[in-house]
Amino acid sequence: MQVAELYKNGWQVELFFKWFKQHLKIKKFWGATENAARIQISSAIITYCLVATIQYDLRSVSYTHLTLPTNRE
């Protein structure tokens, strides 16, 4: 059972790095320390979540209030 758990955990790490590379678009790390890498990864994840939330909100907004008034006589 222990080998299967290690494999499962290793696979989860692989899936995380696949997602990480595809979505966060970090080409290189700016700092050389572990703390610098953690900060950069955290910032990228927060930015990704904010952008995804804004995109979701914009899709669900009704744009009827943005129409220009017409001159009706």
C-alpha atoms as a PDB file:
ATOM      1  CA  MET A   1       0.000   0.000   0.000  1.00  0.00           C
ATOM      2  CA  GLN A   2       2.854   2.382   0.721  1.00  0.00           C
ATOM      3  CA  VAL A   3       4.243   2.168  -2.831  1.00  0.00           C
ATOM      4  CA  ALA A   4       0.822   2.951  -4.302  1.00  0.00           C
ATOM      5  CA  GLU A   5       0.478   6.001  -2.052  1.00  0.00           C
ATOM      6  CA  LEU A   6       3.930   7.267  -3.043  1.00  0.00           C
ATOM      7  CA  TYR A   7       3.067   6.822  -6.714  1.00  0.00           C
ATOM      8  CA  LYS A   8      -0.253   8.621  -6.254  1.00  0.00           C
ATOM      9  CA  ASN A   9       1.414  11.531  -4.460  1.00  0.00           C
ATOM     10  CA  GLY A  10       4.137  11.705  -7.107  1.00  0.00           C
ATOM     11  CA  TRP A  11       1.494  11.782  -9.825  1.00  0.00           C
ATOM     12  CA  GLN A  12      -0.285  14.663  -8.062  1.00  0.00           C
ATOM     13  CA  VAL A  13       2.992  16.597  -8.073  1.00  0.00           C
ATOM     14  CA  GLU A  14       3.400  15.930 -11.810  1.00  0.00           C
ATOM     15  CA  LEU A  15      -0.140  17.127 -12.490  1.00  0.00           C
ATOM     16  CA  PHE A  16       0.477  20.278 -10.459  1.00  0.00           C
ATOM     17  CA  PHE A  17       3.635  21.128 -12.427  1.00  0.00           C
ATOM     18  CA  LYS A  18       1.839  20.457 -15.715  1.00  0.00           C
ATOM     19  CA  TRP A  19      -0.926  22.889 -14.692  1.00  0.00           C
ATOM     20  CA  PHE A  20       1.698  25.298 -13.363  1.00  0.00           C
ATOM     21  CA  LYS A  21       3.580  25.419 -16.669  1.00  0.00           C
ATOM     22  CA  GLN A  22       0.428  25.706 -18.792  1.00  0.00           C
ATOM     23  CA  HIS A  23      -1.398  28.388 -16.821  1.00  0.00           C
ATOM     24  CA  LEU A  24       1.019  30.495 -14.820  1.00  0.00           C
ATOM     25  CA  LYS A  25       3.506  31.091 -17.630  1.00  0.00           C
ATOM     26  CA  ILE A  26       6.533  31.475 -15.344  1.00  0.00           C
ATOM     27  CA  LYS A  27       9.552  31.279 -17.623  1.00  0.00           C
ATOM     28  CA  LYS A  28      12.231  31.747 -14.979  1.00  0.00           C
ATOM     29  CA  PHE A  29      12.502  32.513 -11.304  1.00  0.00           C
ATOM     30  CA  TRP A  30      13.609  36.007 -10.361  1.00  0.00           C
ATOM     31  CA  GLY A  31      15.305  35.042  -7.093  1.00  0.00           C
ATOM     32  CA  ALA A  32      17.693  32.310  -6.076  1.00  0.00           C
ATOM     33  CA  THR A  33      16.216  31.498  -2.673  1.00  0.00           C
ATOM     34  CA  GLU A  34      13.340  29.215  -1.738  1.00  0.00           C
ATOM     35  CA  ASN A  35      11.470  32.181  -0.285  1.00  0.00           C
ATOM     36  CA  ALA A  36      11.781  34.117  -3.551  1.00  0.00           C
ATOM     37  CA  ALA A  37      10.381  31.145  -5.493  1.00  0.00           C
ATOM     38  CA  ARG A  38       7.491  30.773  -3.023  1.00  0.00           C
ATOM     39  CA  ILE A  39       6.640  34.467  -3.337  1.00  0.00           C
ATOM     40  CA  GLN A  40       6.755  34.359  -7.129  1.00  0.00           C
ATOM     41  CA  ILE A  41       4.596  31.215  -7.297  1.00  0.00           C
ATOM     42  CA  SER A  42       2.114  32.628  -4.772  1.00  0.00           C
ATOM     43  CA  SER A  43       1.892  35.898  -6.698  1.00  0.00           C
ATOM     44  CA  ALA A  44       1.334  34.050  -9.967  1.00  0.00           C
ATOM     45  CA  ILE A  45      -1.428  31.889  -8.466  1.00  0.00           C
ATOM     46  CA  ILE A  46      -3.146  34.914  -6.918  1.00  0.00           C
ATOM     47  CA  THR A  47      -2.942  36.802 -10.223  1.00  0.00           C
ATOM     48  CA  TYR A  48      -4.314  33.796 -12.110  1.00  0.00           C
ATOM     49  CA  CYS A  49      -7.259  33.508  -9.689  1.00  0.00           C
ATOM     50  CA  LEU A  50      -8.030  37.230  -9.907  1.00  0.00           C
ATOM     51  CA  VAL A  51      -7.994  37.204 -13.710  1.00  0.00           C
ATOM     52  CA  ALA A  52     -10.153  34.063 -13.825  1.00  0.00           C
ATOM     53  CA  THR A  53     -12.652  35.640 -11.411  1.00  0.00           C
ATOM     54  CA  ILE A  54     -12.836  38.868 -13.405  1.00  0.00           C
ATOM     55  CA  GLN A  55     -13.294  36.951 -16.654  1.00  0.00           C
ATOM     56  CA  TYR A  56     -16.095  34.908 -15.083  1.00  0.00           C
ATOM     57  CA  ASP A  57     -17.786  38.025 -13.719  1.00  0.00           C
ATOM     58  CA  LEU A  58     -17.579  39.804 -17.066  1.00  0.00           C
ATOM     59  CA  ARG A  59     -19.276  36.896 -18.808  1.00  0.00           C
ATOM     60  CA  SER A  60     -22.202  37.012 -16.423  1.00  0.00           C
ATOM     61  CA  VAL A  61     -22.715  40.801 -16.517  1.00  0.00           C
ATOM     62  CA  SER A  62     -25.691  42.130 -18.379  1.00  0.00           C
ATOM     63  CA  TYR A  63     -24.581  44.925 -20.672  1.00  0.00           C
ATOM     64  CA  THR A  64     -28.038  46.460 -21.082  1.00  0.00           C
ATOM     65  CA  HIS A  65     -27.148  49.298 -18.722  1.00  0.00           C
ATOM     66  CA  LEU A  66     -24.240  50.276 -20.963  1.00  0.00           C
ATOM     67  CA  THR A  67     -26.313  51.143 -24.018  1.00  0.00           C
ATOM     68  CA  LEU A  68     -26.220  54.720 -25.183  1.00  0.00           C
ATOM     69  CA  PRO A  69     -29.388  56.789 -24.880  1.00  0.00           C
ATOM     70  CA  THR A  70     -31.139  57.592 -28.121  1.00  0.00           C
ATOM     71  CA  ASN A  71     -32.710  60.912 -29.092  1.00  0.00           C
ATOM     72  CA  ARG A  72     -36.397  60.210 -29.208  1.00  0.00           C
ATOM     73  CA  GLU A  73     -38.794  62.974 -30.007  1.00  0.00           C
END
